[in-house]
Amino acid sequence: MANVEKRAQRQSPRFPGLDLEAIQGEVNRNLLKLPLLFNGRYMGLPDLMNFLKNKRTFPHITPDNASDYYLFANGCTLNGIYLYQYLMGKGYDPFVVQNYSLVHLPDILEEKPLAVCISSTFLYLDDIKEMARQIKGHDPTIPVIVGGILVKKVMHAGDNLTPQTSKWLSSFSGHVDAFVVETHGEQTLLMVLENLSNGSDMSQIPNLALFDEDGKIFFTPREEEDFHMDSTAIEWDKIPRHYLRKTLSVITSQGCHYKCRFCTYRRWFPKVRYKSLDVLKEELRRVQELGFVRHLRFADDNFTANPKRLKAVLKMMIDEEFDMAWSAFARANTITPEVVPLMRDSGCTFINMGIESGSRPILRNMDKGLDPDQALQAVQLLNEHGIYSLGGFIIGYPGETRETFFETVDLINRSGLHYYHPYLFYYSKDMLVHRDRDEFQIEGVGWAWRHKTMDSAMASHLMAQMIGLLDHAFTDGQQKTWETFKLLLGEGYTPREIFELHRLKRNLQVAIEGSELDQRASPSVEQILQKMEKIIR
């Protein structure tokens, strides 16, 4: 939230008729009503479980004891593992930091690495700047190289960036030595590392953002990298065990066929690429042979988009008799009576669908290619075969009103969805809807915007009501509910136990908000906590 407030402050001069900072402040206050506030702290489900597991005290988590608790920080990120394998294959000896908060920086830097490489895939650039500042504070001679999809999105315009963005990026001078501005970027990174080894001029390398002697950012020419999906297959048995977890991610395809107007993804990955079936089979065999993996997260942008390929993949998994559960992203209109039994028989336990809205007019505005009845049918099919489902919903898309919002609430209540995740509409000029900005009268940026039927303050206010309005489907607030599910499934919890923990957390939140007593003194709160403690292990 601090990051988006900073962005609103930076961008406010572009919108003199819109108080970006005030709107962003109101949005943040509303979004803070979504997570559980208990004993003075905001908590997701893993935080609450750690609190209860630690005899109702907040644990002091350190790198040494982090593995004793339920933490997203303990996860295994596919981008880190892929780069580890890629660089090992090129003769380097990389060390992967899965989570910056769980390392002791001086211990890593004392070995004088050739460079520290940071991915922006899961990080804000302001956070990366602070990380780079700390790294340079320990050893200013170690180069810091930053890449990832967020760098590509922010810096793609190159010399055509707005003056505000160029000025902000120049503030990274002295902290970051180079940004890799490429959708994939590993080949460019390799050239950078080779340059650092021989001391040649980095300005001759394509796809970089660098800084001149005055600290002003400048860009080298662009050259799109060659990319083949089969090259992303991980030889999991060759990855050091301490990097791996009981839940792992595997990608089988990249790209999206669809042109949803709220999405920027297709702009960066317009071509759909598939990993060959034989290569995927070998990769899954390697995961199976590890012997400890309980859950696979297919990280595809849309695992079910190609029906023919999907059936081939699922039949292969059934034939191989893999005993790992799996979860994936899916489009609701690809969940059919023919495919769901195959999903079940191959080990599917959880499907995350971008349903986006319960309103037909809003879905048409989005160019989603989905009807609410198709979403209802998909959830029903998944329920019939024992597969848990999550629906993602965008609140505040142009054209949204209170009436269309309550259509979404009604769809969730009627559908039988186990989980939902509300996303506040995030406005970017990279979205196709930006072309409709005059029609919808859209102003602003990010989470601070208004259009002719709503502003983001009102949309976030409606979002904050969803916890109370929905009592049969559950969310982990602004934490990723799917991430919570796969974390706990990897830790040995059953899907039913995970669902019950989410239900109890929601009931706890409602009980706290409706109680005039001290949280710890409320009988209903105590009863809920005791029920949770019986499940937590």
Protein backbone atom coordinates (compact mmCIF):
# COMPACT_ATOMS: atom_id res chain seq x y z
CA MET A 1 0.00 0.00 0.00
CA ALA A 2 2.92 2.31 0.67
CA ASN A 3 4.12 1.61 -2.86
CA VAL A 4 0.84 2.54 -4.52
CA GLU A 5 0.62 5.69 -2.39
CA LYS A 6 4.07 6.68 -3.63
CA ARG A 7 2.97 6.05 -7.19
CA ALA A 8 -0.15 8.18 -6.76
CA GLN A 9 2.03 10.97 -5.41
CA ARG A 10 4.44 10.69 -8.36
CA GLN A 11 1.67 10.61 -10.97
CA SER A 12 -0.63 13.26 -9.48
CA PRO A 13 0.77 16.14 -11.63
CA ARG A 14 -0.56 14.32 -14.72
CA PHE A 15 -4.15 14.59 -13.44
CA PRO A 16 -4.75 18.13 -12.15
CA GLY A 17 -8.53 17.58 -12.00
CA LEU A 18 -8.24 14.40 -9.93
CA ASP A 19 -6.96 14.18 -6.36
CA LEU A 20 -5.02 10.96 -6.89
CA GLU A 21 -3.45 10.95 -3.44
CA ALA A 22 -6.81 11.39 -1.66
CA ILE A 23 -8.45 8.65 -3.73
CA GLN A 24 -5.54 6.28 -3.12
CA GLY A 25 -5.67 6.98 0.61
CA GLU A 26 -9.39 6.13 0.71
CA VAL A 27 -8.78 2.97 -1.34
CA ASN A 28 -6.10 1.82 1.08
CA ARG A 29 -8.35 2.41 4.08
CA ASN A 30 -11.10 0.35 2.45
CA LEU A 31 -8.78 -2.48 1.42
CA LEU A 32 -7.57 -2.75 5.01
CA LYS A 33 -11.10 -3.85 5.93
CA LEU A 34 -10.68 -7.04 3.89
CA PRO A 35 -8.00 -8.82 5.96
CA LEU A 36 -8.63 -10.05 9.49
CA LEU A 37 -7.57 -7.53 12.14
CA PHE A 38 -6.98 -9.50 15.31
CA ASN A 39 -5.04 -8.58 18.43
CA GLY A 40 -3.80 -5.44 16.70
CA ARG A 41 -2.43 -7.16 13.58
CA TYR A 42 -3.65 -7.77 10.07
CA MET A 43 -3.61 -11.47 9.30
CA GLY A 44 -4.07 -13.85 6.44
CA LEU A 45 -4.99 -17.44 7.27
CA PRO A 46 -1.33 -18.61 7.55
CA ASP A 47 -0.61 -15.75 9.99
CA LEU A 48 -3.58 -16.73 12.14
CA MET A 49 -2.53 -20.36 12.08
CA ASN A 50 1.00 -19.42 13.16
CA PHE A 51 -0.46 -17.34 16.00
CA LEU A 52 -2.56 -20.25 17.24
CA LYS A 53 0.18 -22.78 16.70
CA ASN A 54 2.49 -20.63 18.81
CA LYS A 55 0.15 -20.80 21.84
CA ARG A 56 -1.70 -17.62 20.86
CA THR A 57 1.34 -15.42 20.68
CA PHE A 58 2.88 -13.85 17.60
CA PRO A 59 6.01 -15.83 16.72
CA HIS A 60 9.32 -14.11 16.17
CA ILE A 61 10.23 -15.52 12.77
CA THR A 62 13.89 -15.70 11.78
CA PRO A 63 15.74 -17.42 8.92
CA ASP A 64 16.60 -20.20 11.37
CA ASN A 65 13.04 -21.02 12.48
CA ALA A 66 11.05 -20.01 9.36
CA SER A 67 10.54 -23.63 8.31
CA ASP A 68 8.56 -24.25 11.52
CA TYR A 69 5.75 -21.93 10.39
CA TYR A 70 3.27 -21.56 7.55
CA LEU A 71 4.87 -18.89 5.36
CA PHE A 72 4.62 -17.98 1.70
CA ALA A 73 8.29 -17.06 2.12
CA ASN A 74 9.02 -20.78 2.39
CA GLY A 75 7.70 -21.38 -1.10
CA CYS A 76 9.61 -22.48 -4.18
CA THR A 77 9.46 -19.92 -7.00
CA LEU A 78 9.69 -21.31 -10.51
CA ASN A 79 11.50 -18.27 -11.91
CA GLY A 80 14.35 -18.72 -9.44
CA ILE A 81 14.66 -22.44 -10.14
CA TYR A 82 14.59 -21.88 -13.90
CA LEU A 83 17.33 -19.24 -13.77
CA TYR A 84 19.39 -21.48 -11.48
CA GLN A 85 19.23 -24.30 -14.04
CA TYR A 86 19.86 -21.94 -16.98
CA LEU A 87 22.95 -20.35 -15.44
CA MET A 88 24.31 -23.69 -14.22
CA GLY A 89 24.08 -24.89 -17.82
CA LYS A 90 26.13 -21.89 -18.94
CA GLY A 91 28.98 -22.61 -16.52
CA TYR A 92 28.00 -20.37 -13.61
CA ASP A 93 27.52 -21.42 -9.99
CA PRO A 94 24.40 -19.52 -8.88
CA PHE A 95 22.90 -19.30 -5.42
CA VAL A 96 19.12 -18.85 -5.21
CA VAL A 97 17.52 -16.58 -2.61
CA GLN A 98 13.87 -17.63 -2.63
CA ASN A 99 12.86 -14.86 -0.25
CA TYR A 100 14.95 -11.82 0.64
CA SER A 101 13.44 -11.50 4.11
CA LEU A 102 14.76 -14.92 5.15
CA VAL A 103 18.46 -14.45 4.44
CA HIS A 104 21.33 -12.81 6.27
CA LEU A 105 22.70 -10.53 3.57
CA PRO A 106 26.32 -10.23 4.80
CA ASP A 107 26.71 -14.02 4.74
CA ILE A 108 25.78 -14.13 1.05
CA LEU A 109 27.79 -11.11 -0.03
CA GLU A 110 30.99 -12.07 1.76
CA GLU A 111 31.62 -14.59 -1.04
CA LYS A 112 31.87 -11.65 -3.50
CA PRO A 113 29.37 -12.84 -6.14
CA LEU A 114 29.86 -11.73 -9.73
CA ALA A 115 26.44 -10.02 -9.48
CA VAL A 116 23.18 -10.01 -7.58
CA CYS A 117 20.27 -10.58 -9.97
CA ILE A 118 16.75 -9.63 -8.84
CA SER A 119 13.51 -10.63 -10.56
CA SER A 120 10.60 -8.18 -10.53
CA THR A 121 8.04 -10.93 -11.18
CA PHE A 122 6.79 -10.86 -7.57
CA LEU A 123 8.19 -7.54 -6.33
CA TYR A 124 7.44 -3.82 -6.60
CA LEU A 125 10.26 -1.72 -8.02
CA ASP A 126 10.33 0.49 -4.91
CA ASP A 127 11.03 -2.63 -2.85
CA ILE A 128 13.74 -3.66 -5.29
CA LYS A 129 15.36 -0.25 -4.94
CA GLU A 130 15.50 -0.69 -1.17
CA MET A 131 16.96 -4.18 -1.56
CA ALA A 132 19.58 -2.83 -3.97
CA ARG A 133 20.38 0.02 -1.59
CA GLN A 134 21.03 -2.47 1.20
CA ILE A 135 23.18 -4.64 -1.05
CA LYS A 136 25.28 -1.65 -2.11
CA GLY A 137 25.49 -0.59 1.53
CA HIS A 138 27.24 -3.87 2.34
CA ASP A 139 29.44 -3.87 -0.75
CA PRO A 140 29.14 -1.09 -3.35
CA THR A 141 31.37 -3.00 -5.80
CA ILE A 142 28.84 -5.82 -6.37
CA PRO A 143 26.73 -5.16 -9.48
CA VAL A 144 22.94 -5.37 -9.08
CA ILE A 145 21.02 -6.48 -12.18
CA VAL A 146 17.19 -6.33 -12.24
CA GLY A 147 14.87 -8.01 -14.75
CA GLY A 148 11.46 -9.63 -14.89
CA ILE A 149 8.07 -8.83 -16.36
CA LEU A 150 7.40 -5.72 -14.25
CA VAL A 151 10.61 -4.13 -15.54
CA LYS A 152 9.44 -4.88 -19.08
CA LYS A 153 6.02 -3.34 -18.44
CA VAL A 154 7.34 -0.19 -16.76
CA MET A 155 10.26 0.46 -19.13
CA HIS A 156 8.98 -0.87 -22.45
CA ALA A 157 8.43 2.67 -23.79
CA GLY A 158 12.15 3.37 -23.45
CA ASP A 159 13.00 6.90 -24.56
CA ASN A 160 9.27 7.68 -24.78
CA LEU A 161 8.68 7.29 -21.04
CA THR A 162 6.88 10.16 -19.33
CA PRO A 163 9.15 12.70 -17.61
CA GLN A 164 7.78 11.64 -14.21
CA THR A 165 8.64 7.99 -14.81
CA SER A 166 12.10 8.79 -16.23
CA LYS A 167 12.88 10.97 -13.22
CA TRP A 168 11.73 8.24 -10.82
CA LEU A 169 13.75 5.57 -12.60
CA SER A 170 16.83 7.76 -12.47
CA SER A 171 16.55 7.58 -8.67
CA PHE A 172 17.72 3.95 -9.00
CA SER A 173 21.14 5.20 -10.12
CA GLY A 174 23.82 4.12 -7.68
CA HIS A 175 21.67 1.22 -6.50
CA VAL A 176 20.91 -0.73 -9.69
CA ASP A 177 23.61 -1.14 -12.34
CA ALA A 178 21.39 -2.41 -15.16
CA PHE A 179 17.77 -3.30 -15.91
CA VAL A 180 17.03 -6.09 -18.39
CA VAL A 181 14.08 -4.84 -20.47
CA GLU A 182 13.01 -8.02 -22.28
CA THR A 183 10.01 -10.31 -21.93
CA HIS A 184 12.19 -13.35 -21.23
CA GLY A 185 15.61 -11.82 -20.64
CA GLU A 186 17.83 -14.76 -19.73
CA GLN A 187 19.95 -14.45 -22.91
CA THR A 188 20.44 -10.75 -22.25
CA LEU A 189 21.34 -11.53 -18.63
CA LEU A 190 23.96 -13.99 -19.86
CA MET A 191 25.57 -11.26 -21.98
CA VAL A 192 25.60 -8.96 -18.96
CA LEU A 193 27.31 -11.58 -16.80
CA GLU A 194 29.88 -12.26 -19.53
CA ASN A 195 30.48 -8.51 -19.71
CA LEU A 196 31.03 -8.31 -15.96
CA SER A 197 33.55 -11.14 -16.22
CA ASN A 198 35.64 -9.39 -18.87
CA GLY A 199 34.95 -5.76 -18.00
CA SER A 200 33.68 -4.64 -21.42
CA ASP A 201 31.17 -1.88 -22.15
CA MET A 202 27.58 -2.81 -21.23
CA SER A 203 26.16 -0.10 -23.48
CA GLN A 204 26.80 -2.43 -26.43
CA ILE A 205 24.42 -5.06 -25.02
CA PRO A 206 20.81 -4.89 -26.28
CA ASN A 207 17.67 -4.77 -24.09
CA LEU A 208 19.19 -2.81 -21.21
CA ALA A 209 18.36 0.31 -19.24
CA LEU A 210 21.54 1.90 -17.89
CA PHE A 211 22.58 5.16 -16.25
CA ASP A 212 24.89 7.84 -17.65
CA GLU A 213 27.49 9.77 -15.65
CA ASP A 214 24.82 12.20 -14.46
CA GLY A 215 22.60 9.37 -13.20
CA LYS A 216 20.05 9.76 -16.01
CA ILE A 217 18.52 6.57 -17.36
CA PHE A 218 19.06 5.61 -21.00
CA PHE A 219 18.22 2.56 -23.12
CA THR A 220 20.13 0.31 -25.49
CA PRO A 221 18.51 -1.03 -28.71
CA ARG A 222 15.95 -3.83 -28.46
CA GLU A 223 16.42 -7.34 -29.84
CA GLU A 224 13.73 -9.91 -29.14
CA GLU A 225 15.16 -13.12 -27.73
CA ASP A 226 14.52 -16.55 -29.21
CA PHE A 227 12.42 -18.68 -26.89
CA HIS A 228 11.32 -22.32 -26.90
CA MET A 229 8.99 -23.81 -24.30
CA ASP A 230 10.85 -27.12 -24.13
CA SER A 231 13.89 -25.23 -22.83
CA THR A 232 11.92 -24.33 -19.69
CA ALA A 233 11.59 -27.96 -18.54
CA ILE A 234 13.28 -28.37 -15.16
CA GLU A 235 15.50 -31.34 -14.38
CA TRP A 236 14.12 -31.47 -10.88
CA ASP A 237 16.37 -34.28 -9.70
CA LYS A 238 19.39 -32.05 -10.36
CA ILE A 239 18.09 -29.11 -8.30
CA PRO A 240 19.53 -29.02 -4.74
CA ARG A 241 17.00 -30.41 -2.28
CA HIS A 242 17.09 -27.36 -0.01
CA TYR A 243 15.55 -25.25 -2.80
CA LEU A 244 12.55 -27.57 -3.21
CA ARG A 245 9.27 -27.92 -1.33
CA LYS A 246 6.34 -30.32 -1.11
CA THR A 247 4.45 -28.02 -3.49
CA LEU A 248 6.19 -27.23 -6.78
CA SER A 249 5.22 -25.26 -9.88
CA VAL A 250 5.46 -26.57 -13.44
CA ILE A 251 4.63 -24.66 -16.61
CA THR A 252 3.31 -26.46 -19.71
CA SER A 253 2.47 -23.48 -21.93
CA GLN A 254 2.87 -19.73 -22.17
CA GLY A 255 0.65 -17.09 -23.69
CA CYS A 256 -3.08 -16.50 -24.06
CA HIS A 257 -5.49 -16.70 -27.02
CA TYR A 258 -7.95 -14.23 -25.54
CA LYS A 259 -8.14 -10.43 -25.63
CA CYS A 260 -9.79 -9.44 -22.36
CA ARG A 261 -9.76 -5.66 -22.25
CA PHE A 262 -8.60 -5.44 -18.62
CA CYS A 263 -5.50 -7.59 -19.18
CA THR A 264 -1.99 -6.56 -20.21
CA TYR A 265 -0.66 -10.10 -20.44
CA ARG A 266 -1.37 -10.78 -24.10
CA ARG A 267 0.60 -7.68 -25.07
CA TRP A 268 3.76 -9.21 -23.66
CA PHE A 269 3.04 -12.82 -24.64
CA PRO A 270 0.92 -12.63 -27.82
CA LYS A 271 1.98 -16.05 -29.10
CA VAL A 272 0.86 -19.23 -27.35
CA ARG A 273 3.69 -21.73 -26.98
CA TYR A 274 3.39 -25.30 -25.72
CA LYS A 275 5.86 -27.65 -24.11
CA SER A 276 5.93 -30.89 -26.08
CA LEU A 277 4.08 -33.76 -24.47
CA ASP A 278 7.17 -35.98 -24.25
CA VAL A 279 9.22 -33.26 -22.57
CA LEU A 280 6.39 -32.52 -20.14
CA LYS A 281 6.01 -36.23 -19.35
CA GLU A 282 9.72 -36.51 -18.53
CA GLU A 283 9.58 -33.40 -16.34
CA LEU A 284 6.61 -34.74 -14.36
CA ARG A 285 8.37 -38.10 -13.99
CA ARG A 286 11.32 -36.28 -12.42
CA VAL A 287 8.97 -34.56 -9.97
CA GLN A 288 7.28 -37.86 -9.12
CA GLU A 289 10.63 -39.55 -8.53
CA LEU A 290 11.63 -36.92 -5.95
CA GLY A 291 9.29 -38.82 -3.65
CA PHE A 292 8.16 -35.96 -1.43
CA VAL A 293 6.06 -33.66 -3.66
CA ARG A 294 2.37 -33.63 -2.68
CA HIS A 295 1.04 -30.91 -4.94
CA LEU A 296 1.77 -29.49 -8.38
CA ARG A 297 0.73 -25.99 -9.35
CA PHE A 298 0.48 -25.67 -13.12
CA ALA A 299 1.61 -22.09 -13.64
CA ASP A 300 0.21 -21.74 -17.17
CA ASP A 301 -1.67 -18.57 -17.93
CA ASN A 302 -4.59 -20.76 -19.01
CA PHE A 303 -4.03 -24.47 -18.52
CA THR A 304 -7.36 -25.50 -20.08
CA ALA A 305 -7.48 -23.17 -23.12
CA ASN A 306 -6.70 -25.81 -25.77
CA PRO A 307 -9.22 -28.67 -25.31
CA LYS A 308 -7.41 -31.18 -27.54
CA ARG A 309 -4.05 -30.62 -25.87
CA LEU A 310 -5.63 -30.54 -22.40
CA LYS A 311 -7.16 -33.99 -22.91
CA ALA A 312 -3.81 -35.33 -24.15
CA VAL A 313 -2.01 -33.96 -21.09
CA LEU A 314 -4.61 -35.32 -18.66
CA LYS A 315 -4.67 -38.77 -20.29
CA MET A 316 -0.86 -38.85 -20.15
CA MET A 317 -0.96 -38.05 -16.43
CA ILE A 318 -3.55 -40.78 -15.82
CA ASP A 319 -1.52 -43.32 -17.81
CA GLU A 320 1.61 -42.44 -15.85
CA GLU A 321 -0.29 -42.87 -12.57
CA PHE A 322 1.22 -39.79 -10.97
CA ASP A 323 0.14 -39.60 -7.34
CA MET A 324 0.52 -35.82 -6.93
CA ALA A 325 -2.52 -33.58 -6.59
CA TRP A 326 -2.58 -30.56 -8.90
CA SER A 327 -4.19 -27.16 -9.38
CA ALA A 328 -4.32 -24.70 -12.28
CA PHE A 329 -5.80 -21.58 -13.85
CA ALA A 330 -8.75 -22.25 -16.17
CA ARG A 331 -11.42 -20.45 -18.16
CA ALA A 332 -14.91 -21.32 -16.98
CA ASN A 333 -16.17 -21.98 -20.53
CA THR A 334 -13.52 -24.70 -21.00
CA ILE A 335 -14.78 -26.69 -17.99
CA THR A 336 -16.94 -29.28 -19.81
CA PRO A 337 -18.57 -32.63 -18.96
CA GLU A 338 -15.97 -34.35 -21.15
CA VAL A 339 -12.90 -32.89 -19.47
CA VAL A 340 -13.82 -32.69 -15.77
CA PRO A 341 -13.72 -36.48 -15.13
CA LEU A 342 -10.23 -36.53 -16.68
CA MET A 343 -9.20 -33.66 -14.44
CA ARG A 344 -10.45 -35.54 -11.39
CA ASP A 345 -8.83 -38.85 -12.38
CA SER A 346 -5.48 -37.17 -13.03
CA GLY A 347 -5.41 -35.66 -9.52
CA CYS A 348 -6.97 -32.21 -9.85
CA THR A 349 -8.04 -30.79 -6.49
CA PHE A 350 -8.38 -27.06 -7.21
CA ILE A 351 -9.23 -24.82 -10.18
CA ASN A 352 -8.82 -21.04 -10.24
CA MET A 353 -11.14 -19.36 -12.74
CA GLY A 354 -11.19 -15.73 -13.80
CA ILE A 355 -14.96 -15.23 -13.82
CA GLU A 356 -14.52 -11.46 -13.35
CA SER A 357 -18.18 -10.43 -12.94
CA GLY A 358 -21.70 -11.73 -12.49
CA SER A 359 -23.07 -9.03 -14.79
CA ARG A 360 -23.54 -9.70 -18.50
CA PRO A 361 -23.07 -6.03 -19.50
CA ILE A 362 -19.79 -5.83 -17.56
CA LEU A 363 -18.55 -9.09 -19.10
CA ARG A 364 -19.37 -7.65 -22.52
CA ASN A 365 -17.47 -4.46 -21.66
CA MET A 366 -14.51 -6.66 -20.74
CA ASP A 367 -14.76 -8.67 -23.99
CA LYS A 368 -14.43 -11.67 -21.71
CA GLY A 369 -16.24 -14.13 -23.99
CA LEU A 370 -18.03 -15.62 -20.99
CA ASP A 371 -21.63 -15.79 -19.88
CA PRO A 372 -22.55 -16.03 -16.17
CA ASP A 373 -24.49 -19.24 -16.91
CA GLN A 374 -21.28 -20.83 -18.21
CA ALA A 375 -19.56 -19.94 -14.94
CA LEU A 376 -22.39 -21.47 -12.94
CA GLN A 377 -22.23 -24.66 -15.01
CA ALA A 378 -18.45 -24.89 -14.58
CA VAL A 379 -18.66 -24.61 -10.80
CA GLN A 380 -21.45 -27.19 -10.69
CA LEU A 381 -19.40 -29.66 -12.75
CA LEU A 382 -16.33 -29.19 -10.57
CA ASN A 383 -18.39 -29.64 -7.41
CA GLU A 384 -19.95 -32.84 -8.75
CA HIS A 385 -16.47 -34.31 -9.17
CA GLY A 386 -15.06 -33.13 -5.85
CA ILE A 387 -12.81 -30.39 -7.25
CA TYR A 388 -12.56 -27.18 -5.24
CA SER A 389 -12.98 -23.94 -7.17
CA LEU A 390 -12.02 -20.30 -6.82
CA GLY A 391 -13.44 -17.42 -8.81
CA GLY A 392 -11.53 -14.21 -9.40
CA PHE A 393 -13.68 -11.07 -9.72
CA ILE A 394 -12.77 -7.54 -10.82
CA ILE A 395 -14.62 -4.88 -8.87
CA GLY A 396 -15.02 -1.45 -10.43
CA TYR A 397 -14.42 -2.18 -14.11
CA PRO A 398 -15.70 0.66 -16.35
CA GLY A 399 -19.48 0.48 -16.40
CA GLU A 400 -19.64 -1.01 -12.87
CA THR A 401 -22.46 0.25 -10.64
CA ARG A 402 -23.80 -0.86 -7.29
CA GLU A 403 -26.33 -2.94 -9.19
CA THR A 404 -23.74 -4.81 -11.26
CA PHE A 405 -21.62 -5.34 -8.14
CA PHE A 406 -24.55 -7.05 -6.41
CA GLU A 407 -25.06 -9.22 -9.50
CA THR A 408 -21.52 -10.50 -8.84
CA VAL A 409 -22.33 -11.12 -5.17
CA ASP A 410 -25.49 -12.98 -6.22
CA LEU A 411 -23.58 -15.16 -8.68
CA ILE A 412 -21.03 -16.15 -6.02
CA ASN A 413 -23.80 -16.96 -3.54
CA ARG A 414 -25.73 -19.06 -6.08
CA SER A 415 -22.79 -20.79 -7.72
CA GLY A 416 -21.42 -23.08 -5.03
CA LEU A 417 -17.94 -21.60 -5.39
CA HIS A 418 -15.72 -22.56 -2.47
CA TYR A 419 -13.51 -19.47 -2.71
CA TYR A 420 -13.53 -16.05 -4.33
CA HIS A 421 -10.85 -13.43 -4.74
CA PRO A 422 -11.86 -9.79 -5.31
CA TYR A 423 -9.52 -7.62 -7.38
CA LEU A 424 -9.92 -3.88 -7.45
CA PHE A 425 -9.82 -2.75 -11.09
CA TYR A 426 -6.28 -1.59 -11.86
CA TYR A 427 -6.07 0.91 -14.70
CA SER A 428 -3.09 0.93 -17.05
CA LYS A 429 -2.56 2.46 -20.48
CA ASP A 430 -1.25 -0.96 -21.58
CA MET A 431 -4.76 -2.42 -21.30
CA LEU A 432 -7.09 -2.60 -24.30
CA VAL A 433 -9.71 -0.73 -22.26
CA HIS A 434 -7.41 2.29 -22.45
CA ARG A 435 -8.63 2.67 -26.03
CA ASP A 436 -12.14 3.10 -24.59
CA ARG A 437 -11.11 5.78 -22.09
CA ASP A 438 -13.15 8.52 -23.78
CA GLU A 439 -16.28 6.38 -23.96
CA PHE A 440 -16.04 5.44 -20.27
CA GLN A 441 -14.52 8.79 -19.19
CA ILE A 442 -11.62 7.02 -17.44
CA GLU A 443 -9.08 9.13 -15.58
CA GLY A 444 -6.26 8.19 -13.24
CA VAL A 445 -3.78 5.38 -12.94
CA GLY A 446 -3.36 2.12 -11.05
CA TRP A 447 -5.78 1.88 -8.12
CA ALA A 448 -6.56 5.62 -8.16
CA TRP A 449 -9.12 6.28 -10.88
CA ARG A 450 -12.64 7.32 -11.74
CA HIS A 451 -14.94 6.64 -14.67
CA LYS A 452 -18.44 7.78 -15.48
CA THR A 453 -20.21 5.26 -13.20
CA MET A 454 -17.82 4.84 -10.25
CA ASP A 455 -14.47 5.73 -8.75
CA SER A 456 -11.97 3.42 -7.07
CA ALA A 457 -12.87 4.70 -3.61
CA MET A 458 -16.46 3.50 -4.08
CA ALA A 459 -15.36 0.23 -5.69
CA SER A 460 -13.02 -0.53 -2.78
CA HIS A 461 -15.82 0.35 -0.34
CA LEU A 462 -18.03 -2.26 -2.02
CA MET A 463 -15.19 -4.79 -1.93
CA ALA A 464 -14.87 -4.32 1.82
CA GLN A 465 -18.51 -5.41 2.22
CA MET A 466 -17.98 -8.78 0.55
CA ILE A 467 -16.79 -10.58 3.71
CA GLY A 468 -20.15 -9.90 5.34
CA LEU A 469 -22.24 -10.50 2.22
CA LEU A 470 -20.77 -13.93 1.39
CA ASP A 471 -21.09 -16.72 3.94
CA HIS A 472 -20.70 -19.84 1.76
CA ALA A 473 -17.62 -18.85 -0.24
CA PHE A 474 -14.46 -17.56 1.37
CA THR A 475 -11.38 -15.48 0.66
CA ASP A 476 -8.06 -14.82 2.35
CA GLY A 477 -8.42 -11.10 1.84
CA GLN A 478 -5.82 -9.55 -0.40
CA GLN A 479 -3.51 -12.48 0.11
CA LYS A 480 -3.76 -14.97 -2.73
CA THR A 481 -6.26 -17.61 -1.64
CA TRP A 482 -4.81 -20.10 -4.13
CA GLU A 483 -1.37 -19.55 -2.60
CA THR A 484 -2.79 -20.34 0.84
CA PHE A 485 -4.49 -23.46 -0.51
CA LYS A 486 -1.38 -24.90 -2.16
CA LEU A 487 0.82 -23.98 0.81
CA LEU A 488 -1.42 -25.90 3.21
CA LEU A 489 -2.00 -28.79 0.80
CA GLY A 490 1.76 -29.19 0.56
CA GLU A 491 1.89 -29.26 4.36
CA GLY A 492 -0.48 -32.24 4.45
CA TYR A 493 -3.85 -30.58 5.08
CA THR A 494 -6.79 -31.99 3.16
CA PRO A 495 -8.87 -29.76 0.87
CA ARG A 496 -11.76 -30.14 3.32
CA GLU A 497 -9.62 -29.00 6.26
CA ILE A 498 -8.36 -26.01 4.29
CA PHE A 499 -11.91 -25.03 3.40
CA GLU A 500 -13.00 -25.35 7.04
CA LEU A 501 -10.10 -23.16 8.18
CA HIS A 502 -11.14 -20.47 5.69
CA ARG A 503 -14.74 -20.72 6.86
CA LEU A 504 -13.76 -20.35 10.51
CA LYS A 505 -11.48 -17.41 9.72
CA ARG A 506 -14.35 -15.64 7.98
CA ASN A 507 -16.66 -16.35 10.92
CA LEU A 508 -13.99 -15.03 13.28
CA GLN A 509 -13.79 -11.82 11.29
CA VAL A 510 -17.57 -11.34 11.36
CA ALA A 511 -17.71 -12.16 15.08
CA ILE A 512 -14.99 -9.61 15.89
CA GLU A 513 -16.65 -6.87 13.84
CA GLY A 514 -20.00 -7.54 15.53
CA SER A 515 -18.70 -7.79 19.09
CA GLU A 516 -18.63 -4.94 21.57
CA LEU A 517 -16.40 -6.98 23.90
CA ASP A 518 -12.64 -7.24 23.92
CA GLN A 519 -11.70 -9.67 21.15
CA ARG A 520 -10.14 -12.13 23.58
CA ALA A 521 -13.16 -11.99 25.92
CA SER A 522 -15.86 -12.75 23.35
CA PRO A 523 -17.35 -16.26 23.83
CA SER A 524 -18.06 -16.62 20.10
CA VAL A 525 -14.47 -15.66 19.24
CA GLU A 526 -13.10 -18.17 21.74
CA GLN A 527 -15.30 -20.92 20.35
CA ILE A 528 -14.05 -20.29 16.82
CA LEU A 529 -10.41 -20.22 17.93
CA GLN A 530 -10.80 -23.54 19.70
CA LYS A 531 -12.29 -25.13 16.59
CA MET A 532 -9.36 -23.89 14.54
CA GLU A 533 -6.84 -25.19 17.06
CA LYS A 534 -8.29 -28.68 16.71
CA ILE A 535 -7.45 -28.63 12.98
CA ILE A 536 -4.05 -26.91 13.07
CA ARG A 537 -0.99 -29.10 13.45
